[in-house]
Protein backbone atom coordinates (compact mmCIF):
# COMPACT_ATOMS: atom_id res chain seq x y z
CA MET A 1 -21.98 -23.68 -7.01
CA GLY A 2 -19.10 -21.90 -5.27
CA ALA A 3 -17.80 -20.70 -8.64
CA ASN A 4 -21.14 -19.03 -9.38
CA GLN A 5 -21.02 -17.18 -6.08
CA SER A 6 -17.54 -15.84 -6.85
CA LEU A 7 -18.66 -14.27 -10.15
CA PRO A 8 -19.00 -10.46 -9.99
CA LYS A 9 -22.54 -9.18 -9.89
CA ILE A 10 -23.59 -7.24 -13.01
CA THR A 11 -25.59 -4.17 -12.04
CA PRO A 12 -28.06 -2.25 -14.24
CA GLN A 13 -25.49 0.54 -14.41
CA ASP A 14 -22.93 -1.90 -15.81
CA ARG A 15 -25.40 -3.04 -18.47
CA ALA A 16 -26.18 0.56 -19.41
CA ILE A 17 -22.50 1.41 -19.81
CA LEU A 18 -21.93 -1.75 -21.84
CA ASP A 19 -24.84 -0.92 -24.19
CA LEU A 20 -23.55 2.60 -24.71
CA LYS A 21 -20.07 1.34 -25.51
CA LEU A 22 -21.51 -1.15 -28.02
CA GLN A 23 -23.40 1.69 -29.72
CA ARG A 24 -20.20 3.71 -29.79
CA ASP A 25 -18.32 0.85 -31.46
CA LYS A 26 -21.09 0.50 -34.08
CA LEU A 27 -20.90 4.21 -34.87
CA LYS A 28 -17.14 3.97 -35.33
CA GLN A 29 -17.59 1.06 -37.75
CA TYR A 30 -20.25 3.06 -39.62
CA GLN A 31 -17.83 6.00 -39.86
CA LYS A 32 -15.23 3.75 -41.47
CA LYS A 33 -17.77 2.69 -44.09
CA ILE A 34 -18.72 6.31 -44.82
CA GLN A 35 -15.06 7.24 -45.17
CA ALA A 36 -14.61 4.45 -47.69
CA VAL A 37 -17.61 5.77 -49.67
CA LEU A 38 -16.16 9.30 -49.61
CA ASP A 39 -12.86 8.07 -51.00
CA ARG A 40 -14.64 6.08 -53.72
CA GLU A 41 -16.88 9.00 -54.78
CA GLN A 42 -13.87 11.27 -54.98
CA ALA A 43 -12.05 8.76 -57.19
CA ILE A 44 -15.15 8.47 -59.41
CA ALA A 45 -15.38 12.26 -59.73
CA LYS A 46 -11.72 12.47 -60.78
CA ALA A 47 -12.19 9.72 -63.35
CA GLN A 48 -15.30 11.39 -64.82
CA ILE A 49 -13.53 14.73 -65.08
CA ALA A 50 -10.62 13.05 -66.83
CA ALA A 51 -13.10 11.43 -69.22
CA GLY A 52 -14.78 14.77 -69.90
CA GLN A 53 -18.00 13.72 -68.14
CA LYS A 54 -18.58 16.85 -66.04
CA ASP A 55 -22.22 16.04 -65.20
CA ARG A 56 -21.33 12.59 -63.84
CA ALA A 57 -18.47 14.11 -61.87
CA LEU A 58 -20.94 16.56 -60.26
CA ILE A 59 -23.28 13.70 -59.32
CA ALA A 60 -20.38 11.84 -57.66
CA LEU A 61 -19.36 14.98 -55.76
CA ARG A 62 -22.97 15.57 -54.62
CA ARG A 63 -23.15 11.99 -53.30
CA ARG A 64 -19.85 12.60 -51.56
CA LYS A 65 -21.19 15.79 -49.98
CA TYR A 66 -24.22 13.90 -48.66
CA GLN A 67 -22.00 11.23 -47.14
CA GLN A 68 -19.93 13.97 -45.49
CA SER A 69 -23.08 15.33 -43.80
CA LEU A 70 -23.82 11.82 -42.50
CA LEU A 71 -20.26 11.60 -41.18
CA THR A 72 -20.70 14.91 -39.35
CA LYS A 73 -23.90 13.64 -37.72
CA THR A 74 -22.21 10.45 -36.58
CA ASP A 75 -19.38 12.55 -35.12
CA ASP A 76 -21.92 14.47 -33.02
CA GLN A 77 -23.65 11.27 -31.91
CA LEU A 78 -20.32 9.67 -31.06
CA GLU A 79 -19.32 12.67 -28.96
CA ASN A 80 -22.65 12.55 -27.09
CA LEU A 81 -22.17 8.84 -26.37
CA GLU A 82 -18.64 9.40 -25.10
CA GLN A 83 -19.84 12.17 -22.78
CA LEU A 84 -22.73 10.03 -21.53
CA VAL A 85 -20.45 7.08 -20.76
CA SER A 86 -17.99 9.35 -18.94
CA THR A 87 -20.80 10.97 -16.95
CA ILE A 88 -22.24 7.62 -15.86
CA GLU A 89 -18.84 6.22 -14.91
CA PHE A 90 -17.98 9.35 -12.92
CA SER A 91 -21.36 9.23 -11.18
CA LEU A 92 -20.67 5.63 -10.16
CA VAL A 93 -17.34 6.72 -8.72
CA GLU A 94 -19.10 9.48 -6.78
CA VAL A 95 -21.63 6.99 -5.43
CA SER A 96 -18.79 4.68 -4.34
CA VAL A 97 -16.99 7.56 -2.61
CA LEU A 98 -20.17 8.65 -0.85
CA HIS A 99 -20.78 5.07 0.29
CA GLY A 100 -17.25 4.93 1.68
CA LEU A 101 -17.73 8.24 3.48
CA LYS A 102 -21.00 6.99 4.95
CA GLN A 103 -19.33 3.86 6.27
CA GLY A 104 -16.47 5.94 7.65
CA ASN A 105 -18.89 8.22 9.48
CA GLU A 106 -20.66 5.22 10.98
CA VAL A 107 -17.33 3.84 12.22
CA LEU A 108 -16.45 7.22 13.74
CA LYS A 109 -19.82 7.34 15.50
CA GLU A 110 -19.20 3.90 17.00
CA ILE A 111 -15.73 4.99 18.15
CA HIS A 112 -17.17 8.14 19.71
CA LYS A 113 -19.77 6.05 21.53
CA GLU A 114 -17.05 3.89 23.03
CA MET A 115 -14.78 6.86 23.79
CA ASN A 116 -17.32 9.27 25.27
CA ILE A 117 -16.49 11.74 28.02
CA GLU A 118 -17.92 9.54 30.75
CA SER A 119 -15.79 6.55 29.71
CA VAL A 120 -12.60 8.64 29.56
CA GLU A 121 -13.30 10.23 32.96
CA LYS A 122 -14.06 6.84 34.48
CA LEU A 123 -10.82 5.41 33.09
CA LEU A 124 -8.82 8.33 34.50
CA GLU A 125 -10.51 7.96 37.86
CA GLU A 126 -9.75 4.25 37.96
CA THR A 127 -6.11 4.91 37.05
CA ALA A 128 -5.80 7.58 39.73
CA GLU A 129 -7.42 5.28 42.29
CA ALA A 130 -4.99 2.49 41.39
CA ARG A 131 -2.01 4.81 41.86
CA GLU A 132 -3.38 6.05 45.18
CA TYR A 133 -3.99 2.48 46.37
CA GLN A 134 -0.45 1.49 45.40
CA LYS A 135 0.89 4.48 47.31
CA GLU A 136 -1.15 3.58 50.37
CA ILE A 137 0.15 0.00 50.31
CA GLY A 138 3.73 1.25 50.01
CA ASP A 139 3.28 3.72 52.88
CA MET A 140 1.66 1.08 55.07
CA LEU A 141 4.45 -1.43 54.48
CA SER A 142 7.15 1.16 55.07
CA ASN A 143 5.52 2.14 58.37
CA THR A 144 5.33 -1.46 59.59
CA LEU A 145 9.00 -2.19 58.85
CA THR A 146 11.78 -1.36 61.28
CA LEU A 147 14.67 0.88 60.30
CA ASP A 148 16.90 -2.17 59.89
CA ASP A 149 14.31 -3.84 57.67
CA GLU A 150 13.97 -0.70 55.54
CA GLU A 151 17.74 -0.44 55.22
CA ALA A 152 17.92 -4.07 54.17
CA VAL A 153 15.22 -3.47 51.57
CA GLN A 154 17.13 -0.47 50.19
CA LYS A 155 20.32 -2.54 49.99
CA GLU A 156 18.50 -5.35 48.20
CA LEU A 157 17.10 -2.84 45.71
CA LEU A 158 20.58 -1.45 45.11
CA ALA A 159 21.99 -4.96 44.61
CA LEU A 160 19.29 -5.76 42.05
CA GLN A 161 20.05 -2.55 40.18
CA GLU A 162 23.78 -3.41 40.11
CA ASP A 163 23.06 -6.93 38.85
CA LEU A 164 20.98 -5.54 36.02
CA ALA A 165 23.70 -3.02 35.18
CA VAL A 166 26.31 -5.80 35.03
CA GLN A 167 24.10 -7.87 32.75
CA ASP A 168 23.72 -4.93 30.38
CA VAL A 169 27.53 -4.49 30.04
CA ALA A 170 28.84 -6.17 26.88
CA PHE A 171 31.69 -8.61 27.46
CA PRO A 172 34.81 -8.16 25.26
CA VAL A 173 34.74 -10.27 22.11
CA VAL A 174 37.44 -12.95 21.84
CA PRO A 175 39.23 -12.60 18.47
CA SER A 176 38.52 -15.51 16.20
CA ALA A 177 41.54 -15.01 13.91
CA GLU A 178 44.72 -17.02 14.43
CA PRO A 179 47.78 -15.13 15.90
CA ILE A 180 50.14 -13.62 13.36
CA ASP A 181 53.42 -15.53 12.92
CA THR A 182 56.29 -13.07 13.58
CA GLY A 183 59.00 -15.55 12.56
CA THR A 184 60.61 -15.86 16.03
CA LYS A 185 60.75 -19.33 17.51
CA VAL A 186 60.47 -19.95 21.21
CA THR A 187 63.14 -22.42 22.40
CA SER A 188 61.93 -24.99 24.80
CA ASP A 189 63.80 -26.03 27.90
CA PRO A 190 66.16 -28.99 27.49
CA GLU A 191 64.89 -32.36 28.44
CA PRO A 192 65.67 -33.44 32.03
CA ALA A 193 68.20 -36.05 30.88
CA GLN A 194 70.14 -33.56 28.80
CA ALA A 195 70.13 -31.05 31.65
CA SER A 196 71.62 -33.64 34.02
CA ARG A 197 74.42 -34.47 31.56
CA VAL A 198 75.30 -30.82 31.36
CA LEU A 199 75.53 -30.60 35.11
CA VAL A 200 77.82 -33.71 35.33
CA ALA A 201 80.13 -32.38 32.65
CA GLY A 202 80.54 -29.13 34.54
């Protein structure tokens, strides 16, 4: 049941285009048959002329001429079908574009409803009121604090700013490569026993 729901819906326009394309294919097949008849009549006319049968050659050429007129008519019909199919397909594209524009306009209308002048002004007023309230709170607190308290607050703010600045500084990277061997050897001090023997000998 779910598979049936996923199948694309065939519209009357789709059926019309399909029928026209089937008619076009039939005309093309008919043209191939006419072309085969034309080639055969021409071969017959050549054979009759070679045999000295001029009258029969004329009959073959007349039949060929009639088939050519049929081929011309099918060309006209085929061209009309091609134009009709193109016109219908382009009209469907236009309808789809218009439908998309209509939906877009509806979305814009909804956005304009939500973002009308009153809403924007109200939002700006609320933002301004919030800033004013914050300023009033700050002024009130600064007036209730003593000079020493205010100085302590300023120092604490400065200390916080310095801490943040220190955290932002990148520490030097410790090299991960081993030290380069220069070939010089560092002599170690003699062992305590050897050092004592040297002192006794002296």
